Amino acid sequence: MGDRGKRFVLVQILNSIMSATQGEAWKAPRVRISADSRRLRVQGARTVWPQERDLPVESAAGRDQVIVENPGVYTSLYLKVA
């Protein structure tokens, strides 16, 4: 089963700071996902791993953006597009 309507984009965030610091755990305070709203209009966002949670979408200066606060080692989310 896939997204036949092509209405969702899967975004995966992998905290690779641990790789760069030889295993030392560092928290990423926030991750910003930004898209040109003329090419990809983001209407909604929802994390699906490690927990389900709706995220706000902000639009300014021709860009849509979603900010993920304190992502873990791995975070997965869907962007709903127009």
PDB file of N, CA and C in Angstrom:
ATOM      1  N   MET A   1       0.849  -1.182   0.000  1.00  0.00           N
ATOM      2  CA  MET A   1       0.000   0.000   0.000  1.00  0.00           C
ATOM      3  C   MET A   1       0.886   1.233   0.000  1.00  0.00           C
ATOM      4  N   GLY A   2       0.629   2.157  -0.874  1.00  0.00           N
ATOM      5  CA  GLY A   2       1.422   3.371  -0.955  1.00  0.00           C
ATOM      6  C   GLY A   2       0.529   4.596  -0.995  1.00  0.00           C
ATOM      7  N   ASP A   3       1.121   5.699  -1.220  1.00  0.00           N
ATOM      8  CA  ASP A   3       0.397   6.968  -1.299  1.00  0.00           C
ATOM      9  C   ASP A   3       0.023   7.209  -2.759  1.00  0.00           C
ATOM     10  N   ARG A   4      -1.044   6.594  -3.200  1.00  0.00           N
ATOM     11  CA  ARG A   4      -1.442   6.690  -4.614  1.00  0.00           C
ATOM     12  C   ARG A   4      -1.817   8.100  -5.027  1.00  0.00           C
ATOM     13  N   GLY A   5      -2.339   8.887  -4.090  1.00  0.00           N
ATOM     14  CA  GLY A   5      -2.719  10.263  -4.399  1.00  0.00           C
ATOM     15  C   GLY A   5      -1.548  11.230  -4.353  1.00  0.00           C
ATOM     16  N   LYS A   6      -0.400  10.740  -3.942  1.00  0.00           N
ATOM     17  CA  LYS A   6       0.818  11.560  -3.827  1.00  0.00           C
ATOM     18  C   LYS A   6       0.565  12.822  -3.004  1.00  0.00           C
ATOM     19  N   ARG A   7      -0.056  12.613  -1.843  1.00  0.00           N
ATOM     20  CA  ARG A   7      -0.391  13.734  -0.977  1.00  0.00           C
ATOM     21  C   ARG A   7       0.509  13.835   0.238  1.00  0.00           C
ATOM     22  N   PHE A   8       1.411  12.852   0.411  1.00  0.00           N
ATOM     23  CA  PHE A   8       2.262  12.845   1.592  1.00  0.00           C
ATOM     24  C   PHE A   8       3.727  12.644   1.202  1.00  0.00           C
ATOM     25  N   VAL A   9       4.609  13.291   1.969  1.00  0.00           N
ATOM     26  CA  VAL A   9       6.048  13.127   1.799  1.00  0.00           C
ATOM     27  C   VAL A   9       6.583  12.602   3.124  1.00  0.00           C
ATOM     28  N   LEU A  10       7.310  11.492   3.068  1.00  0.00           N
ATOM     29  CA  LEU A  10       7.924  10.925   4.259  1.00  0.00           C
ATOM     30  C   LEU A  10       9.263  11.616   4.503  1.00  0.00           C
ATOM     31  N   VAL A  11       9.467  12.099   5.720  1.00  0.00           N
ATOM     32  CA  VAL A  11      10.731  12.725   6.111  1.00  0.00           C
ATOM     33  C   VAL A  11      11.304  11.905   7.262  1.00  0.00           C
ATOM     34  N   GLN A  12      12.567  11.530   7.134  1.00  0.00           N
ATOM     35  CA  GLN A  12      13.240  10.782   8.191  1.00  0.00           C
ATOM     36  C   GLN A  12      14.424  11.603   8.675  1.00  0.00           C
ATOM     37  N   ILE A  13      14.522  11.748   9.987  1.00  0.00           N
ATOM     38  CA  ILE A  13      15.609  12.511  10.596  1.00  0.00           C
ATOM     39  C   ILE A  13      16.485  11.529  11.370  1.00  0.00           C
ATOM     40  N   LEU A  14      17.745  11.492  11.026  1.00  0.00           N
ATOM     41  CA  LEU A  14      18.704  10.644  11.729  1.00  0.00           C
ATOM     42  C   LEU A  14      19.741  11.547  12.372  1.00  0.00           C
ATOM     43  N   ASN A  15      19.860  11.474  13.685  1.00  0.00           N
ATOM     44  CA  ASN A  15      20.823  12.292  14.411  1.00  0.00           C
ATOM     45  C   ASN A  15      22.206  11.658  14.223  1.00  0.00           C
ATOM     46  N   SER A  16      22.988  12.217  13.322  1.00  0.00           N
ATOM     47  CA  SER A  16      24.308  11.650  13.016  1.00  0.00           C
ATOM     48  C   SER A  16      25.423  12.290  13.842  1.00  0.00           C
ATOM     49  N   ILE A  17      25.067  13.115  14.818  1.00  0.00           N
ATOM     50  CA  ILE A  17      26.077  13.739  15.679  1.00  0.00           C
ATOM     51  C   ILE A  17      26.854  12.657  16.421  1.00  0.00           C
ATOM     52  N   MET A  18      26.160  11.576  16.804  1.00  0.00           N
ATOM     53  CA  MET A  18      26.839  10.486  17.518  1.00  0.00           C
ATOM     54  C   MET A  18      27.936   9.867  16.652  1.00  0.00           C
ATOM     55  N   SER A  19      27.705   9.772  15.352  1.00  0.00           N
ATOM     56  CA  SER A  19      28.728   9.224  14.457  1.00  0.00           C
ATOM     57  C   SER A  19      29.954  10.130  14.400  1.00  0.00           C
ATOM     58  N   ALA A  20      29.709  11.422  14.386  1.00  0.00           N
ATOM     59  CA  ALA A  20      30.809  12.377  14.271  1.00  0.00           C
ATOM     60  C   ALA A  20      31.593  12.526  15.570  1.00  0.00           C
ATOM     61  N   THR A  21      30.998  12.163  16.689  1.00  0.00           N
ATOM     62  CA  THR A  21      31.664  12.338  17.985  1.00  0.00           C
ATOM     63  C   THR A  21      32.066  10.998  18.607  1.00  0.00           C
ATOM     64  N   GLN A  22      32.212   9.971  17.779  1.00  0.00           N
ATOM     65  CA  GLN A  22      32.620   8.629  18.229  1.00  0.00           C
ATOM     66  C   GLN A  22      31.726   8.081  19.335  1.00  0.00           C
ATOM     67  N   GLY A  23      30.429   8.207  19.153  1.00  0.00           N
ATOM     68  CA  GLY A  23      29.471   7.606  20.063  1.00  0.00           C
ATOM     69  C   GLY A  23      29.020   8.468  21.215  1.00  0.00           C
ATOM     70  N   GLU A  24      29.586   9.650  21.363  1.00  0.00           N
ATOM     71  CA  GLU A  24      29.160  10.539  22.439  1.00  0.00           C
ATOM     72  C   GLU A  24      27.769  11.088  22.105  1.00  0.00           C
ATOM     73  N   ALA A  25      26.843  10.957  23.030  1.00  0.00           N
ATOM     74  CA  ALA A  25      25.459  11.367  22.782  1.00  0.00           C
ATOM     75  C   ALA A  25      25.307  12.887  22.914  1.00  0.00           C
ATOM     76  N   TRP A  26      24.858  13.510  21.856  1.00  0.00           N
ATOM     77  CA  TRP A  26      24.538  14.934  21.839  1.00  0.00           C
ATOM     78  C   TRP A  26      23.115  15.068  21.339  1.00  0.00           C
ATOM     79  N   LYS A  27      22.346  15.922  21.970  1.00  0.00           N
ATOM     80  CA  LYS A  27      20.983  16.176  21.543  1.00  0.00           C
ATOM     81  C   LYS A  27      20.964  17.266  20.486  1.00  0.00           C
ATOM     82  N   ALA A  28      20.190  17.026  19.446  1.00  0.00           N
ATOM     83  CA  ALA A  28      19.937  18.088  18.474  1.00  0.00           C
ATOM     84  C   ALA A  28      18.760  18.902  19.009  1.00  0.00           C
ATOM     85  N   PRO A  29      18.929  20.188  19.285  1.00  0.00           N
ATOM     86  CA  PRO A  29      17.860  20.963  19.908  1.00  0.00           C
ATOM     87  C   PRO A  29      16.635  21.125  19.017  1.00  0.00           C
ATOM     88  N   ARG A  30      16.852  21.282  17.708  1.00  0.00           N
ATOM     89  CA  ARG A  30      15.711  21.412  16.794  1.00  0.00           C
ATOM     90  C   ARG A  30      16.178  21.178  15.368  1.00  0.00           C
ATOM     91  N   VAL A  31      15.247  20.724  14.567  1.00  0.00           N
ATOM     92  CA  VAL A  31      15.503  20.511  13.145  1.00  0.00           C
ATOM     93  C   VAL A  31      14.446  21.290  12.386  1.00  0.00           C
ATOM     94  N   ARG A  32      14.887  22.054  11.385  1.00  0.00           N
ATOM     95  CA  ARG A  32      13.964  22.840  10.569  1.00  0.00           C
ATOM     96  C   ARG A  32      13.866  22.206   9.187  1.00  0.00           C
ATOM     97  N   ILE A  33      12.644  21.913   8.765  1.00  0.00           N
ATOM     98  CA  ILE A  33      12.376  21.378   7.434  1.00  0.00           C
ATOM     99  C   ILE A  33      11.708  22.506   6.667  1.00  0.00           C
ATOM    100  N   SER A  34      12.319  22.901   5.560  1.00  0.00           N
ATOM    101  CA  SER A  34      11.842  24.048   4.816  1.00  0.00           C
ATOM    102  C   SER A  34      11.630  23.676   3.352  1.00  0.00           C
ATOM    103  N   ALA A  35      10.539  24.186   2.764  1.00  0.00           N
ATOM    104  CA  ALA A  35      10.232  23.892   1.366  1.00  0.00           C
ATOM    105  C   ALA A  35       9.775  25.163   0.658  1.00  0.00           C
ATOM    106  N   ASP A  36      10.133  25.279  -0.602  1.00  0.00           N
ATOM    107  CA  ASP A  36       9.671  26.381  -1.447  1.00  0.00           C
ATOM    108  C   ASP A  36       8.180  26.154  -1.697  1.00  0.00           C
ATOM    109  N   SER A  37       7.333  27.039  -1.203  1.00  0.00           N
ATOM    110  CA  SER A  37       5.887  26.828  -1.276  1.00  0.00           C
ATOM    111  C   SER A  37       5.337  26.913  -2.696  1.00  0.00           C
ATOM    112  N   ARG A  38       6.110  27.438  -3.645  1.00  0.00           N
ATOM    113  CA  ARG A  38       5.665  27.436  -5.044  1.00  0.00           C
ATOM    114  C   ARG A  38       5.817  26.052  -5.663  1.00  0.00           C
ATOM    115  N   ARG A  39       6.740  25.263  -5.137  1.00  0.00           N
ATOM    116  CA  ARG A  39       6.983  23.925  -5.674  1.00  0.00           C
ATOM    117  C   ARG A  39       6.318  22.824  -4.863  1.00  0.00           C
ATOM    118  N   LEU A  40       6.300  22.988  -3.548  1.00  0.00           N
ATOM    119  CA  LEU A  40       5.761  21.968  -2.652  1.00  0.00           C
ATOM    120  C   LEU A  40       5.051  22.678  -1.516  1.00  0.00           C
ATOM    121  N   ARG A  41       3.739  22.751  -1.606  1.00  0.00           N
ATOM    122  CA  ARG A  41       2.964  23.461  -0.593  1.00  0.00           C
ATOM    123  C   ARG A  41       2.611  22.509   0.547  1.00  0.00           C
ATOM    124  N   VAL A  42       3.184  22.759   1.716  1.00  0.00           N
ATOM    125  CA  VAL A  42       2.982  21.893   2.882  1.00  0.00           C
ATOM    126  C   VAL A  42       1.753  22.389   3.649  1.00  0.00           C
ATOM    127  N   GLN A  43       0.772  21.509   3.801  1.00  0.00           N
ATOM    128  CA  GLN A  43      -0.469  21.869   4.503  1.00  0.00           C
ATOM    129  C   GLN A  43      -0.502  21.359   5.934  1.00  0.00           C
ATOM    130  N   GLY A  44       0.248  20.308   6.221  1.00  0.00           N
ATOM    131  CA  GLY A  44       0.227  19.738   7.564  1.00  0.00           C
ATOM    132  C   GLY A  44       1.453  18.878   7.794  1.00  0.00           C
ATOM    133  N   ALA A  45       1.719  18.561   9.046  1.00  0.00           N
ATOM    134  CA  ALA A  45       2.862  17.715   9.400  1.00  0.00           C
ATOM    135  C   ALA A  45       2.498  16.913  10.644  1.00  0.00           C
ATOM    136  N   ARG A  46       2.981  15.662  10.659  1.00  0.00           N
ATOM    137  CA  ARG A  46       2.692  14.789  11.799  1.00  0.00           C
ATOM    138  C   ARG A  46       3.832  13.802  11.984  1.00  0.00           C
ATOM    139  N   THR A  47       4.407  13.783  13.200  1.00  0.00           N
ATOM    140  CA  THR A  47       5.414  12.767  13.487  1.00  0.00           C
ATOM    141  C   THR A  47       4.691  11.436  13.686  1.00  0.00           C
ATOM    142  N   VAL A  48       5.341  10.354  13.238  1.00  0.00           N
ATOM    143  CA  VAL A  48       4.769   9.020  13.391  1.00  0.00           C
ATOM    144  C   VAL A  48       5.699   8.102  14.179  1.00  0.00           C
ATOM    145  N   TRP A  49       6.947   8.526  14.386  1.00  0.00           N
ATOM    146  CA  TRP A  49       7.887   7.754  15.198  1.00  0.00           C
ATOM    147  C   TRP A  49       8.847   8.719  15.867  1.00  0.00           C
ATOM    148  N   PRO A  50       9.152   8.665  17.085  1.00  0.00           N
ATOM    149  CA  PRO A  50       8.833   7.610  18.036  1.00  0.00           C
ATOM    150  C   PRO A  50       7.440   7.752  18.654  1.00  0.00           C
ATOM    151  N   GLN A  51       6.772   8.879  18.421  1.00  0.00           N
ATOM    152  CA  GLN A  51       5.406   9.054  18.923  1.00  0.00           C
ATOM    153  C   GLN A  51       4.622   9.861  17.907  1.00  0.00           C
ATOM    154  N   GLU A  52       3.312   9.687  17.893  1.00  0.00           N
ATOM    155  CA  GLU A  52       2.476  10.447  16.969  1.00  0.00           C
ATOM    156  C   GLU A  52       2.145  11.796  17.590  1.00  0.00           C
ATOM    157  N   ARG A  53       2.335  12.829  16.742  1.00  0.00           N
ATOM    158  CA  ARG A  53       2.090  14.194  17.239  1.00  0.00           C
ATOM    159  C   ARG A  53       1.959  15.120  16.040  1.00  0.00           C
ATOM    160  N   ASP A  54       0.954  15.990  16.043  1.00  0.00           N
ATOM    161  CA  ASP A  54       0.812  16.994  14.991  1.00  0.00           C
ATOM    162  C   ASP A  54       1.810  18.111  15.220  1.00  0.00           C
ATOM    163  N   LEU A  55       2.345  18.630  14.117  1.00  0.00           N
ATOM    164  CA  LEU A  55       3.299  19.740  14.181  1.00  0.00           C
ATOM    165  C   LEU A  55       2.748  20.916  13.389  1.00  0.00           C
ATOM    166  N   PRO A  56       2.987  22.138  13.851  1.00  0.00           N
ATOM    167  CA  PRO A  56       2.517  23.301  13.097  1.00  0.00           C
ATOM    168  C   PRO A  56       3.380  23.542  11.854  1.00  0.00           C
ATOM    169  N   VAL A  57       2.734  24.084  10.821  1.00  0.00           N
ATOM    170  CA  VAL A  57       3.419  24.497   9.597  1.00  0.00           C
ATOM    171  C   VAL A  57       3.370  26.015   9.559  1.00  0.00           C
ATOM    172  N   GLU A  58       4.533  26.633   9.401  1.00  0.00           N
ATOM    173  CA  GLU A  58       4.616  28.092   9.318  1.00  0.00           C
ATOM    174  C   GLU A  58       4.947  28.479   7.885  1.00  0.00           C
ATOM    175  N   SER A  59       4.308  29.538   7.400  1.00  0.00           N
ATOM    176  CA  SER A  59       4.566  30.019   6.048  1.00  0.00           C
ATOM    177  C   SER A  59       5.015  31.470   6.111  1.00  0.00           C
ATOM    178  N   ALA A  60       6.132  31.761   5.432  1.00  0.00           N
ATOM    179  CA  ALA A  60       6.650  33.128   5.384  1.00  0.00           C
ATOM    180  C   ALA A  60       7.613  33.248   4.215  1.00  0.00           C
ATOM    181  N   ALA A  61       7.548  34.352   3.526  1.00  0.00           N
ATOM    182  CA  ALA A  61       8.489  34.692   2.451  1.00  0.00           C
ATOM    183  C   ALA A  61       8.600  33.575   1.403  1.00  0.00           C
ATOM    184  N   GLY A  62       7.462  32.978   1.035  1.00  0.00           N
ATOM    185  CA  GLY A  62       7.469  31.960  -0.006  1.00  0.00           C
ATOM    186  C   GLY A  62       7.991  30.600   0.425  1.00  0.00           C
ATOM    187  N   ARG A  63       8.122  30.375   1.732  1.00  0.00           N
ATOM    188  CA  ARG A  63       8.622  29.094   2.247  1.00  0.00           C
ATOM    189  C   ARG A  63       7.658  28.552   3.299  1.00  0.00           C
ATOM    190  N   ASP A  64       7.453  27.259   3.254  1.00  0.00           N
ATOM    191  CA  ASP A  64       6.710  26.572   4.303  1.00  0.00           C
ATOM    192  C   ASP A  64       7.745  25.857   5.162  1.00  0.00           C
ATOM    193  N   GLN A  65       7.584  25.913   6.461  1.00  0.00           N
ATOM    194  CA  GLN A  65       8.558  25.236   7.314  1.00  0.00           C
ATOM    195  C   GLN A  65       7.893  24.560   8.492  1.00  0.00           C
ATOM    196  N   VAL A  66       8.534  23.465   8.896  1.00  0.00           N
ATOM    197  CA  VAL A  66       8.123  22.693  10.055  1.00  0.00           C
ATOM    198  C   VAL A  66       9.347  22.585  10.948  1.00  0.00           C
ATOM    199  N   ILE A  67       9.173  22.842  12.228  1.00  0.00           N
ATOM    200  CA  ILE A  67      10.278  22.727  13.174  1.00  0.00           C
ATOM    201  C   ILE A  67       9.995  21.554  14.111  1.00  0.00           C
ATOM    202  N   VAL A  68      10.956  20.646  14.173  1.00  0.00           N
ATOM    203  CA  VAL A  68      10.866  19.492  15.064  1.00  0.00           C
ATOM    204  C   VAL A  68      11.776  19.776  16.247  1.00  0.00           C
ATOM    205  N   GLU A  69      11.181  19.938  17.421  1.00  0.00           N
ATOM    206  CA  GLU A  69      11.946  20.226  18.634  1.00  0.00           C
ATOM    207  C   GLU A  69      12.461  18.931  19.242  1.00  0.00           C
ATOM    208  N   ASN A  70      13.701  18.933  19.663  1.00  0.00           N
ATOM    209  CA  ASN A  70      14.326  17.813  20.373  1.00  0.00           C
ATOM    210  C   ASN A  70      14.094  16.451  19.720  1.00  0.00           C
ATOM    211  N   PRO A  71      14.483  16.299  18.448  1.00  0.00           N
ATOM    212  CA  PRO A  71      14.323  14.979  17.833  1.00  0.00           C
ATOM    213  C   PRO A  71      15.259  13.975  18.498  1.00  0.00           C
ATOM    214  N   GLY A  72      14.843  12.742  18.534  1.00  0.00           N
ATOM    215  CA  GLY A  72      15.677  11.700  19.121  1.00  0.00           C
ATOM    216  C   GLY A  72      16.743  11.255  18.134  1.00  0.00           C
ATOM    217  N   VAL A  73      17.254  10.077  18.354  1.00  0.00           N
ATOM    218  CA  VAL A  73      18.249   9.522  17.440  1.00  0.00           C
ATOM    219  C   VAL A  73      17.621   9.318  16.063  1.00  0.00           C
ATOM    220  N   TYR A  74      16.345   8.913  16.036  1.00  0.00           N
ATOM    221  CA  TYR A  74      15.624   8.730  14.784  1.00  0.00           C
ATOM    222  C   TYR A  74      14.215   9.268  14.955  1.00  0.00           C
ATOM    223  N   THR A  75      13.763  10.059  14.002  1.00  0.00           N
ATOM    224  CA  THR A  75      12.400  10.585  13.993  1.00  0.00           C
ATOM    225  C   THR A  75      11.862  10.467  12.578  1.00  0.00           C
ATOM    226  N   SER A  76      10.608  10.090  12.475  1.00  0.00           N
ATOM    227  CA  SER A  76       9.954   9.963  11.180  1.00  0.00           C
ATOM    228  C   SER A  76       8.670  10.777  11.198  1.00  0.00           C
ATOM    229  N   LEU A  77       8.418  11.498  10.105  1.00  0.00           N
ATOM    230  CA  LEU A  77       7.206  12.288  10.022  1.00  0.00           C
ATOM    231  C   LEU A  77       6.712  12.358   8.592  1.00  0.00           C
ATOM    232  N   TYR A  78       5.440  12.696   8.462  1.00  0.00           N
ATOM    233  CA  TYR A  78       4.834  12.894   7.159  1.00  0.00           C
ATOM    234  C   TYR A  78       4.488  14.363   6.984  1.00  0.00           C
ATOM    235  N   LEU A  79       4.738  14.876   5.788  1.00  0.00           N
ATOM    236  CA  LEU A  79       4.267  16.194   5.404  1.00  0.00           C
ATOM    237  C   LEU A  79       3.080  15.994   4.469  1.00  0.00           C
ATOM    238  N   LYS A  80       1.980  16.667   4.741  1.00  0.00           N
ATOM    239  CA  LYS A  80       0.824  16.617   3.854  1.00  0.00           C
ATOM    240  C   LYS A  80       0.958  17.780   2.882  1.00  0.00           C
ATOM    241  N   VAL A  81       0.919  17.460   1.586  1.00  0.00           N
ATOM    242  CA  VAL A  81       1.111  18.493   0.564  1.00  0.00           C
ATOM    243  C   VAL A  81      -0.160  18.694  -0.250  1.00  0.00           C
ATOM    244  N   ALA A  82      -0.282  19.899  -0.827  1.00  0.00           N
ATOM    245  CA  ALA A  82      -1.471  20.241  -1.628  1.00  0.00           C
ATOM    246  C   ALA A  82      -1.358  19.649  -3.010  1.00  0.00           C
TER     247      ALA A  82
END
